Every structure is written in structure tokens, then in C-alpha cells.
Amino acid sequence: MRLCQIIVFTLVFWISAEAQIGFNLGPNKHAILDFESTNHFIIMEVKFGNVLPLKFIFDTGSEHTLLFKKEYADLLGVQYDRKIPLMGSDMSQEIYGYIARRVNLIISQTYKITTDILVLEEDYLKLEESTGVKIDGIIGANVFKFFVLSVNNRKNKIRLDEAQRFKSPRKYSEIPVRIFRNKPYVDGTMTMGRDKLEVKLLLDTGAGLPILLYTNTDENLDLPAKTIRGTLGSGLGGHLEGYIGRVHHFEFGDYAFDNILSSFQEVESDSITRQGMERNGLIGNSVLSRFNYVIDYPHQKLYMRSRGRLKRKFKYDKSGIQLAAAGHQLKDFIVQRVLPDTPAEEEGVMKGDVIKRIEGIPVTFFTLTGINNILSSRNGRIVKLHIDRDGNRIKKKIKLRKII
């Protein structure tokens, strides 16, 4: 799920002039950061104000570091430099954030960072609902832009090195990359029907999807013949709506993907140009997690090596149910939407239904990711659900089939 780009666009004008960062790599001149991979996100443990343990997404697609929950900053007595208006995902809703200067963070229980951050007035994104994971903020490029960033998705570790001490990795492919406002962009090619299209894409670990394309950035960038309308992620001011389909062929650098699951969104044209760099979309962490890669920010170089997982299919739900997580420990699983012409609609599942058991097992034994994995498993599988609807228990049998 993509963290809303509007945050990044607005902050460019408010923070960059005064932003400060302190990151001491220690005597070894490098840092090794542990992370967990959940729902195609890179999630790190961060001690906010050096004391409060929180969970942040590591996001190469965000220029700045954000805290979603203002109550945590208030609890520690954080002082704010100013209050600023932000633009919601509908491009009209007025919402607010606060700039806090020189906030102390500890990452991976070892490395101390001092940086400026944006604190949202409210948790507008509510990522827990769509991911089923506790997420309190994001670590943006202002923290790591001075270093060489090496992401090892096999060992779940990120290494930061001083650029002058770094040597190009062996057995990696070097891919042309442009770093603009601390964010990496690559060129790619995709086949849409009979058309072959050149695209410019952001490498974005803060997006849990494979690729996202902005349909109005190129006259030849049309929707595939078969798509479904759905929620693509969470943004400031609400859910991000768009279409989901598959692109026949996509490649960048030395790597190619066939029948890749793709999201499509129409965006305001000036919201892209406001960044100063035109792009057609992004490559999310569902693709990037299939590689180990190195981003040399100071020298603007990218190195990638496949983990041997390029041929794995990109799965999508086969039931037609879109779930949200809520309640204690995010163990209440509520039907947020039922897609038309799907097994769930045909079986009579309705928005607002609460799943209590799946395959006879109480849902307290599952995560949202675990349930979604069941609902995206093999064609023809019959999944048994026990549902609570307005206090009444209902049994449903969903026969899975490919819907996209």
C-alpha cells in the first residue's frame, strides 16, 4: 500500500531549507539495520525520543521522516516549529501537520539519529486497517541520503556505508538511476496490448504493491482489457481508489516480468509536475523484495541482484473480499468491500460482515496477511467462513477462482 505522495510534495517547500540530520555510523564507519518484512513492507523498530518503541516503514519513496500519531510526540513533550497545511488524497481536504526539529531516534536499538520530522495532526493514513500491522510512521530519505544503502532481502538487513569507502558489489547488475530530491528513479519498458511504452518509475519501498501506473501521464498508457476497481492503498484524507489489472510484459535493467499484477490510478497532472521530475508511476516493494540491491545516493548508482524469485507469480485475492483489521491487537477482521461478479458476492457476503472463523479456526489465530493468503490460494479451493452479521452467525462457503 502506498503512502500518499502528497505529503512528500508539500514538504519539499517547508522543510528542505532548514532540515538537519545527524547519523553517527560509529567506529566501523557503517551501520547494519535489522528489519522485518510484513505485507511487502520493510518495517523497523524505532525508539522515538530515544525511549518510546515504535514501528516505522523504511521508505525510499518519501523524502522526509513522518510520525503518524501526534499523541506520541505530545507525550514526550516534543516542541513544534510550525503548523503547516497538507493536501488530502482528494486534492481538496484541508488537513495539517507539525514540523518538529532535531528529534532523536534510535534505530535497531543501536544507532542514534537526530533529524527533523513531520508529525501529522491525526493519523490520517490508518495503515493498520489495511495492513493488519502496527505502523507508527515512516523513515524517509532525509535519514539515509548521504550514504550507500544496501538492502539484503534474504537476511532482512540494511547496511549503510560512507560513499568514499564503498566498492561496487560483484555479481550485481548496474542499472542507470537518477536521484532527484533524494528519491531514485529508473527507466523501464512495458507492453500494453500491441504497444510498447517507455516509462519512468520511482523505486519505492513504501509501496507494498508490484507496480503502480498513472494512466493520465501518457496517452498510450491505457487500462488493460480486464481490470477490477478497488482500493489501492491509504492516503491523506482517505483510501486511494483505482483499478487493478495485469501488464503483459514489464522490464527494467536486465530484468523482465510477464503478466505482472499492476495498479492504475489517475492523478492530478500538476501533482506530479510539482515534484520537478515527471514520472509514470512506481515500482513497489512487492517487486523490489525479489532482489538484493544497492543504492549509492552520493554517486547516483544502482546495483541489483535477483534472489532467484523473479518467476514467482504475483498473487491476488480470488474471493472478492477486501478486509480491514480493527480492534484489540488488530484481530477483528471486517469486510470493507465485496467486489462485483466475484465468489464472495455470489455467496452473499456483505460489507460490514465480521469474520469469526476461517476453515473452522478462530480468526484470533490469524493475521490479516494470513487470511489474505488463504483467500488468494489455488483455484477451486472452498474456503469456509463463519461470519457475524448484526449479531447473527452465518456460515459461508467461498469457492475461489481467478478474478484478475
Protein backbone atom coordinates (compact mmCIF):
# COMPACT_ATOMS: atom_id res chain seq x y z
CA MET A 1 0.00 0.00 0.00
CA ARG A 2 1.29 3.27 -1.00
CA LEU A 3 1.88 6.06 1.47
CA CYS A 4 0.33 9.15 -0.04
CA GLN A 5 2.70 11.12 -2.29
CA ILE A 6 1.07 14.44 -1.38
CA ILE A 7 2.96 14.50 1.91
CA VAL A 8 6.23 14.48 0.02
CA PHE A 9 5.19 17.18 -2.45
CA THR A 10 4.16 19.60 0.29
CA LEU A 11 7.20 19.08 2.48
CA VAL A 12 9.63 20.00 -0.27
CA PHE A 13 8.72 23.64 0.23
CA TRP A 14 8.59 23.65 4.01
CA ILE A 15 11.40 21.52 5.39
CA SER A 16 14.30 21.41 2.97
CA ALA A 17 15.73 24.82 3.78
CA GLU A 18 16.24 24.01 7.47
CA ALA A 19 16.35 20.23 7.62
CA GLN A 20 19.14 18.80 9.73
CA ILE A 21 20.36 15.24 10.13
CA GLY A 22 22.86 13.60 12.42
CA PHE A 23 23.67 9.92 11.96
CA ASN A 24 26.82 8.55 13.56
CA LEU A 25 27.93 5.33 11.88
CA GLY A 26 30.36 4.62 14.71
CA PRO A 27 33.99 3.45 14.57
CA ASN A 28 33.28 0.79 11.91
CA LYS A 29 32.05 3.50 9.51
CA HIS A 30 28.97 1.51 8.65
CA ALA A 31 25.62 0.64 10.18
CA ILE A 32 23.64 -2.60 9.91
CA LEU A 33 19.91 -2.23 10.49
CA ASP A 34 17.56 -5.15 11.09
CA PHE A 35 14.05 -5.18 9.68
CA GLU A 36 11.01 -7.41 9.38
CA SER A 37 9.24 -7.97 6.09
CA THR A 38 5.47 -7.89 6.53
CA ASN A 39 2.81 -7.38 3.87
CA HIS A 40 5.60 -6.41 1.44
CA PHE A 41 6.73 -3.59 3.74
CA ILE A 42 10.16 -3.07 5.29
CA ILE A 43 9.36 -2.40 8.95
CA MET A 44 11.91 -1.27 11.52
CA GLU A 45 11.92 -0.84 15.27
CA VAL A 46 12.47 2.80 16.19
CA LYS A 47 12.77 4.32 19.64
CA PHE A 48 11.15 7.73 19.33
CA GLY A 49 12.77 10.33 21.55
CA ASN A 50 15.22 7.54 22.49
CA VAL A 51 12.61 5.91 24.77
CA LEU A 52 9.29 5.08 23.07
CA PRO A 53 9.37 1.83 21.00
CA LEU A 54 7.51 2.28 17.70
CA LYS A 55 7.32 0.67 14.24
CA PHE A 56 8.30 2.64 11.14
CA ILE A 57 8.22 1.73 7.44
CA PHE A 58 11.54 2.20 5.65
CA ASP A 59 10.54 4.25 2.60
CA THR A 60 12.80 5.16 -0.33
CA GLY A 61 9.80 6.92 -1.91
CA SER A 62 9.49 9.55 0.82
CA GLU A 63 11.82 12.50 1.07
CA HIS A 64 11.14 13.04 4.77
CA THR A 65 10.51 11.17 8.01
CA LEU A 66 6.98 11.20 9.43
CA LEU A 67 5.22 10.31 12.66
CA PHE A 68 1.55 9.42 12.15
CA LYS A 69 0.42 9.65 15.79
CA LYS A 70 0.79 13.09 17.35
CA GLU A 71 -0.09 11.76 20.82
CA TYR A 72 3.32 10.07 20.99
CA ALA A 73 5.15 13.33 20.30
CA ASP A 74 2.96 15.18 22.79
CA LEU A 75 3.63 12.51 25.44
CA LEU A 76 7.36 13.19 25.18
CA GLY A 77 6.93 16.96 25.13
CA VAL A 78 8.18 17.47 21.57
CA GLN A 79 8.24 21.15 20.60
CA TYR A 80 6.90 22.12 17.18
CA ASP A 81 8.47 24.68 14.89
CA ARG A 82 5.28 25.42 12.96
CA LYS A 83 1.94 24.04 11.82
CA ILE A 84 1.53 23.56 8.08
CA PRO A 85 -1.42 22.70 5.81
CA LEU A 86 -1.28 19.48 3.80
CA MET A 87 -3.42 18.39 0.89
CA GLY A 88 -5.60 15.31 1.22
CA SER A 89 -5.82 12.47 -1.25
CA ASP A 90 -8.91 14.05 -2.81
CA MET A 91 -6.81 17.17 -3.55
CA SER A 92 -9.24 19.38 -1.61
CA GLN A 93 -9.49 18.27 2.02
CA GLU A 94 -7.55 20.55 4.35
CA ILE A 95 -5.51 18.66 6.92
CA TYR A 96 -2.48 19.61 9.00
CA GLY A 97 0.92 18.54 10.24
CA TYR A 98 3.59 19.95 12.54
CA ILE A 99 7.31 20.30 11.86
CA ALA A 100 9.50 19.17 14.76
CA ARG A 101 13.21 19.98 14.68
CA ARG A 102 16.11 17.78 15.79
CA VAL A 103 14.12 14.85 17.09
CA ASN A 104 16.14 11.94 18.50
CA LEU A 105 15.56 8.41 17.18
CA ILE A 106 17.28 5.08 17.84
CA ILE A 107 17.10 2.51 15.02
CA SER A 108 17.77 -1.21 15.53
CA GLN A 109 18.40 -0.50 19.23
CA THR A 110 21.86 0.84 18.40
CA TYR A 111 22.11 3.75 16.00
CA LYS A 112 21.23 7.23 17.20
CA ILE A 113 19.79 9.71 14.73
CA THR A 114 18.88 13.35 15.09
CA THR A 115 16.55 14.59 12.39
CA ASP A 116 13.65 16.90 11.56
CA ILE A 117 10.30 15.16 11.15
CA LEU A 118 6.71 15.90 10.24
CA VAL A 119 4.11 14.97 12.86
CA LEU A 120 0.60 14.53 11.45
CA GLU A 121 -2.18 16.24 13.39
CA GLU A 122 -4.17 12.99 13.17
CA ASP A 123 -3.40 9.52 11.89
CA TYR A 124 -4.97 10.23 8.51
CA LEU A 125 -3.44 7.16 6.88
CA LYS A 126 -4.70 4.47 9.32
CA LEU A 127 -2.41 1.90 7.77
CA GLU A 128 -3.18 -0.66 10.48
CA GLU A 129 -6.63 -1.16 8.96
CA SER A 130 -5.34 -2.13 5.52
CA THR A 131 -2.16 -3.96 6.58
CA GLY A 132 -3.09 -5.57 9.91
CA VAL A 133 0.27 -4.41 11.27
CA LYS A 134 1.05 -1.72 13.83
CA ILE A 135 2.70 1.14 11.94
CA ASP A 136 3.53 4.46 13.58
CA GLY A 137 5.47 6.33 10.91
CA ILE A 138 7.97 6.18 8.07
CA ILE A 139 11.72 6.64 7.84
CA GLY A 140 12.37 8.81 4.81
CA ALA A 141 15.40 9.56 2.69
CA ASN A 142 16.49 12.52 4.83
CA VAL A 143 17.94 9.87 7.19
CA PHE A 144 19.95 7.81 4.66
CA LYS A 145 20.51 10.06 1.62
CA PHE A 146 24.19 10.72 2.45
CA PHE A 147 25.14 7.03 2.39
CA VAL A 148 25.31 3.96 0.21
CA LEU A 149 22.22 1.93 1.03
CA SER A 150 22.45 -1.88 0.68
CA VAL A 151 19.22 -3.87 1.14
CA ASN A 152 19.55 -7.61 1.74
CA ASN A 153 16.04 -9.04 1.46
CA ARG A 154 17.24 -12.58 2.18
CA LYS A 155 18.74 -11.72 5.57
CA ASN A 156 16.35 -8.81 6.31
CA LYS A 157 19.17 -6.37 6.85
CA ILE A 158 20.03 -2.90 5.55
CA ARG A 159 23.59 -1.63 5.56
CA LEU A 160 24.67 1.99 5.36
CA ASP A 161 28.22 2.85 4.25
CA GLU A 162 30.14 6.05 3.70
CA ALA A 163 30.30 6.64 -0.04
CA GLN A 164 34.08 7.17 -0.15
CA ARG A 165 34.70 3.74 1.43
CA PHE A 166 32.25 1.84 -0.77
CA LYS A 167 33.30 -0.54 -3.57
CA SER A 168 30.97 -1.72 -6.32
CA PRO A 169 29.46 -5.13 -5.45
CA ARG A 170 30.44 -8.15 -7.53
CA LYS A 171 27.83 -10.21 -9.41
CA TYR A 172 25.37 -7.32 -9.36
CA SER A 173 23.92 -5.62 -12.45
CA GLU A 174 24.42 -1.87 -12.63
CA ILE A 175 21.23 -0.12 -13.73
CA PRO A 176 21.02 3.57 -14.69
CA VAL A 177 19.33 5.55 -11.94
CA ARG A 178 18.60 9.21 -11.28
CA ILE A 179 18.40 10.59 -7.75
CA PHE A 180 16.11 13.57 -7.56
CA ARG A 181 15.16 15.15 -4.26
CA ASN A 182 16.67 12.11 -2.56
CA LYS A 183 14.46 9.63 -4.44
CA PRO A 184 15.66 7.04 -7.00
CA TYR A 185 14.10 6.82 -10.50
CA VAL A 186 14.70 4.21 -13.21
CA ASP A 187 13.55 3.80 -16.80
CA GLY A 188 11.53 0.78 -17.83
CA THR A 189 9.61 -0.67 -20.75
CA MET A 190 6.19 -2.25 -20.71
CA THR A 191 3.98 -3.90 -23.28
CA MET A 192 0.33 -2.84 -23.15
CA GLY A 193 -1.55 -4.82 -25.79
CA ARG A 194 0.37 -4.23 -29.01
CA ASP A 195 2.04 -1.06 -27.77
CA LYS A 196 5.50 -0.88 -26.25
CA LEU A 197 5.80 2.02 -23.84
CA GLU A 198 8.83 3.67 -22.23
CA VAL A 199 8.16 4.67 -18.61
CA LYS A 200 9.96 6.47 -15.80
CA LEU A 201 9.32 4.92 -12.39
CA LEU A 202 10.15 5.68 -8.76
CA LEU A 203 11.79 2.89 -6.73
CA ASP A 204 9.51 2.91 -3.72
CA THR A 205 9.90 0.57 -0.73
CA GLY A 206 6.97 2.38 0.89
CA ALA A 207 4.57 0.83 -1.63
CA GLY A 208 3.51 -2.74 -0.89
CA LEU A 209 2.27 -3.41 -4.44
CA PRO A 210 4.25 -4.59 -7.52
CA ILE A 211 3.86 -1.55 -9.79
CA LEU A 212 1.56 1.48 -9.91
CA LEU A 213 0.95 3.38 -13.15
CA TYR A 214 -0.56 6.85 -13.57
CA THR A 215 -2.84 6.45 -16.56
CA ASN A 216 -3.00 10.13 -17.49
CA THR A 217 0.77 10.63 -17.75
CA ASP A 218 0.97 9.15 -21.27
CA GLU A 219 -1.67 8.96 -23.98
CA ASN A 220 -0.72 5.32 -24.66
CA LEU A 221 -0.92 4.27 -21.03
CA ASP A 222 -4.39 2.70 -21.12
CA LEU A 223 -6.09 0.28 -18.78
CA PRO A 224 -5.77 -3.41 -19.71
CA ALA A 225 -8.81 -5.09 -21.22
CA LYS A 226 -9.61 -6.79 -17.92
CA THR A 227 -9.48 -4.80 -14.68
CA ILE A 228 -11.32 -4.55 -11.39
CA ARG A 229 -11.94 -1.42 -9.38
CA GLY A 230 -10.59 -1.47 -5.86
CA THR A 231 -8.71 0.22 -3.04
CA LEU A 232 -5.03 0.65 -3.88
CA GLY A 233 -3.86 1.87 -0.50
CA SER A 234 -4.16 4.61 2.09
CA GLY A 235 -3.54 8.32 1.57
CA LEU A 236 -4.02 11.55 3.41
CA GLY A 237 -7.75 12.11 3.67
CA GLY A 238 -8.87 8.58 2.78
CA HIS A 239 -8.41 5.46 0.72
CA LEU A 240 -6.80 5.65 -2.71
CA GLU A 241 -9.11 4.23 -5.35
CA GLY A 242 -8.14 2.94 -8.77
CA TYR A 243 -8.01 -0.17 -10.94
CA ILE A 244 -6.10 -3.43 -10.73
CA GLY A 245 -5.10 -5.47 -13.77
CA ARG A 246 -2.10 -7.15 -15.35
CA VAL A 247 0.55 -5.80 -17.71
CA HIS A 248 1.61 -8.29 -20.39
CA HIS A 249 5.34 -7.58 -20.11
CA PHE A 250 7.48 -5.26 -17.98
CA GLU A 251 11.24 -4.87 -17.81
CA PHE A 252 13.87 -2.60 -16.34
CA GLY A 253 17.61 -3.03 -16.48
CA ASP A 254 18.40 -6.71 -17.07
CA TYR A 255 15.18 -7.96 -15.52
CA ALA A 256 11.80 -8.82 -17.02
CA PHE A 257 8.36 -9.82 -15.69
CA ASP A 258 5.42 -11.31 -17.57
CA ASN A 259 1.76 -10.87 -16.63
CA ILE A 260 2.71 -8.63 -13.72
CA LEU A 261 -0.04 -7.50 -11.35
CA SER A 262 -0.42 -3.74 -11.73
CA SER A 263 -2.38 -0.93 -10.13
CA PHE A 264 -3.68 2.01 -12.15
CA GLN A 265 -4.57 5.43 -10.84
CA GLU A 266 -5.44 8.74 -12.42
CA VAL A 267 -3.75 11.64 -10.64
CA GLU A 268 -3.91 15.39 -10.94
CA SER A 269 -1.34 16.34 -13.58
CA ASP A 270 0.07 19.24 -11.57
CA SER A 271 0.61 16.99 -8.53
CA ILE A 272 3.31 15.15 -10.50
CA THR A 273 4.93 18.19 -12.10
CA ARG A 274 5.06 19.88 -8.70
CA GLN A 275 7.90 17.50 -7.80
CA GLY A 276 10.04 18.79 -10.64
CA MET A 277 10.50 15.32 -12.18
CA GLU A 278 7.93 13.73 -14.44
CA ARG A 279 7.20 10.05 -13.87
CA ASN A 280 4.67 7.46 -14.96
CA GLY A 281 4.38 5.59 -11.68
CA LEU A 282 6.43 3.49 -9.31
CA ILE A 283 7.97 0.08 -8.66
CA GLY A 284 6.85 -1.13 -5.25
CA ASN A 285 8.36 -3.43 -2.68
CA SER A 286 6.46 -6.47 -3.93
CA VAL A 287 8.93 -6.38 -6.86
CA LEU A 288 11.94 -4.94 -5.02
CA SER A 289 11.79 -7.64 -2.34
CA ARG A 290 12.73 -10.16 -5.05
CA PHE A 291 16.18 -8.57 -5.23
CA ASN A 292 19.13 -7.62 -3.11
CA TYR A 293 20.14 -4.14 -4.22
CA VAL A 294 22.41 -1.20 -3.53
CA ILE A 295 21.57 2.48 -3.98
CA ASP A 296 24.62 4.73 -3.98
CA TYR A 297 22.93 8.05 -3.30
CA PRO A 298 26.01 10.33 -3.46
CA HIS A 299 27.20 8.87 -6.80
CA GLN A 300 23.73 8.16 -8.21
CA LYS A 301 24.28 4.47 -8.93
CA LEU A 302 22.03 1.42 -8.57
CA TYR A 303 23.13 -2.22 -8.38
CA MET A 304 20.71 -5.15 -8.32
CA ARG A 305 20.92 -8.92 -8.00
CA SER A 306 17.99 -11.31 -8.30
CA ARG A 307 17.21 -13.61 -5.38
CA GLY A 308 16.04 -16.24 -7.87
CA ARG A 309 12.38 -15.38 -7.31
CA LEU A 310 11.61 -13.44 -10.47
CA LYS A 311 9.37 -16.12 -11.95
CA ARG A 312 7.09 -16.34 -8.92
CA LYS A 313 3.55 -15.32 -9.77
CA PHE A 314 2.10 -12.13 -8.35
CA LYS A 315 -0.95 -13.37 -6.45
CA TYR A 316 -4.20 -11.51 -5.97
CA ASP A 317 -7.31 -12.28 -3.94
CA LYS A 318 -9.61 -14.90 -5.50
CA SER A 319 -12.65 -14.35 -3.28
CA GLY A 320 -13.68 -10.75 -3.96
CA ILE A 321 -13.40 -9.79 -0.28
CA GLN A 322 -11.41 -6.75 0.83
CA LEU A 323 -10.80 -6.85 4.58
CA ALA A 324 -9.86 -4.27 7.20
CA ALA A 325 -8.26 -5.06 10.57
CA ALA A 326 -9.52 -3.42 13.75
CA GLY A 327 -9.96 -3.98 17.48
CA HIS A 328 -7.61 -5.40 20.09
CA GLN A 329 -4.31 -6.46 18.53
CA LEU A 330 -5.95 -5.91 15.11
CA LYS A 331 -7.80 -9.23 15.36
CA ASP A 332 -11.25 -8.03 14.26
CA PHE A 333 -11.48 -8.68 10.51
CA ILE A 334 -14.24 -6.65 8.89
CA VAL A 335 -15.41 -6.89 5.29
CA GLN A 336 -14.65 -3.45 3.86
CA ARG A 337 -15.80 -4.16 0.31
CA VAL A 338 -17.18 -7.01 -1.78
CA LEU A 339 -16.19 -6.79 -5.43
CA PRO A 340 -18.95 -7.37 -8.02
CA ASP A 341 -19.13 -10.61 -10.02
CA THR A 342 -16.90 -12.49 -7.57
CA PRO A 343 -17.36 -15.65 -5.47
CA ALA A 344 -17.98 -13.60 -2.32
CA GLU A 345 -20.78 -11.57 -3.90
CA GLU A 346 -22.36 -14.70 -5.35
CA GLU A 347 -22.30 -16.31 -1.89
CA GLY A 348 -23.93 -13.25 -0.30
CA VAL A 349 -21.04 -11.85 1.73
CA MET A 350 -21.77 -8.20 2.59
CA LYS A 351 -19.88 -5.09 3.59
CA GLY A 352 -19.72 -4.86 7.38
CA ASP A 353 -19.67 -8.62 7.94
CA VAL A 354 -17.16 -9.67 10.62
CA ILE A 355 -15.23 -12.88 10.03
CA LYS A 356 -15.10 -15.01 13.20
CA ARG A 357 -13.74 -18.31 11.93
CA ILE A 358 -11.96 -19.42 8.78
CA GLU A 359 -11.68 -23.10 7.95
CA GLY A 360 -13.15 -23.78 11.41
CA ILE A 361 -10.32 -21.97 13.22
CA PRO A 362 -10.96 -18.76 15.26
CA VAL A 363 -9.52 -15.73 13.48
CA THR A 364 -7.55 -14.81 16.61
CA PHE A 365 -5.00 -17.37 15.39
CA PHE A 366 -4.54 -15.47 12.10
CA THR A 367 -3.10 -12.19 10.91
CA LEU A 368 -4.69 -10.14 8.15
CA THR A 369 -1.86 -11.29 5.87
CA GLY A 370 -2.57 -14.92 6.77
CA ILE A 371 -6.25 -14.62 5.91
CA ASN A 372 -5.48 -12.85 2.64
CA ASN A 373 -3.03 -15.64 1.75
CA ILE A 374 -5.83 -18.20 2.18
CA LEU A 375 -8.19 -16.10 0.04
CA SER A 376 -5.59 -15.92 -2.74
CA SER A 377 -4.68 -19.61 -2.79
CA ARG A 378 -5.42 -22.19 -5.51
CA ASN A 379 -8.37 -22.02 -7.90
CA GLY A 380 -11.28 -24.21 -6.88
CA ARG A 381 -10.47 -24.27 -3.20
CA ILE A 382 -13.55 -23.97 -1.00
CA VAL A 383 -12.94 -21.69 1.99
CA LYS A 384 -15.38 -22.00 4.89
CA LEU A 385 -16.19 -18.78 6.76
CA HIS A 386 -18.17 -18.14 9.94
CA ILE A 387 -19.47 -14.58 9.80
CA ASP A 388 -21.11 -12.30 12.36
CA ARG A 389 -23.75 -10.04 10.80
CA ASP A 390 -25.60 -7.77 13.23
CA GLY A 391 -25.26 -10.37 15.99
CA ASN A 392 -26.27 -13.32 13.83
CA ARG A 393 -23.82 -16.11 12.98
CA ILE A 394 -23.81 -17.11 9.30
CA LYS A 395 -21.82 -19.80 7.51
CA LYS A 396 -20.45 -19.21 4.03
CA LYS A 397 -18.55 -21.37 1.55
CA ILE A 398 -16.43 -19.40 -0.92
CA LYS A 399 -15.13 -21.26 -3.97
CA LEU A 400 -12.02 -19.41 -5.06
CA ARG A 401 -11.35 -18.52 -8.67
CA LYS A 402 -9.05 -16.17 -10.51
CA ILE A 403 -10.71 -12.77 -10.85
CA ILE A 404 -7.82 -10.82 -12.40
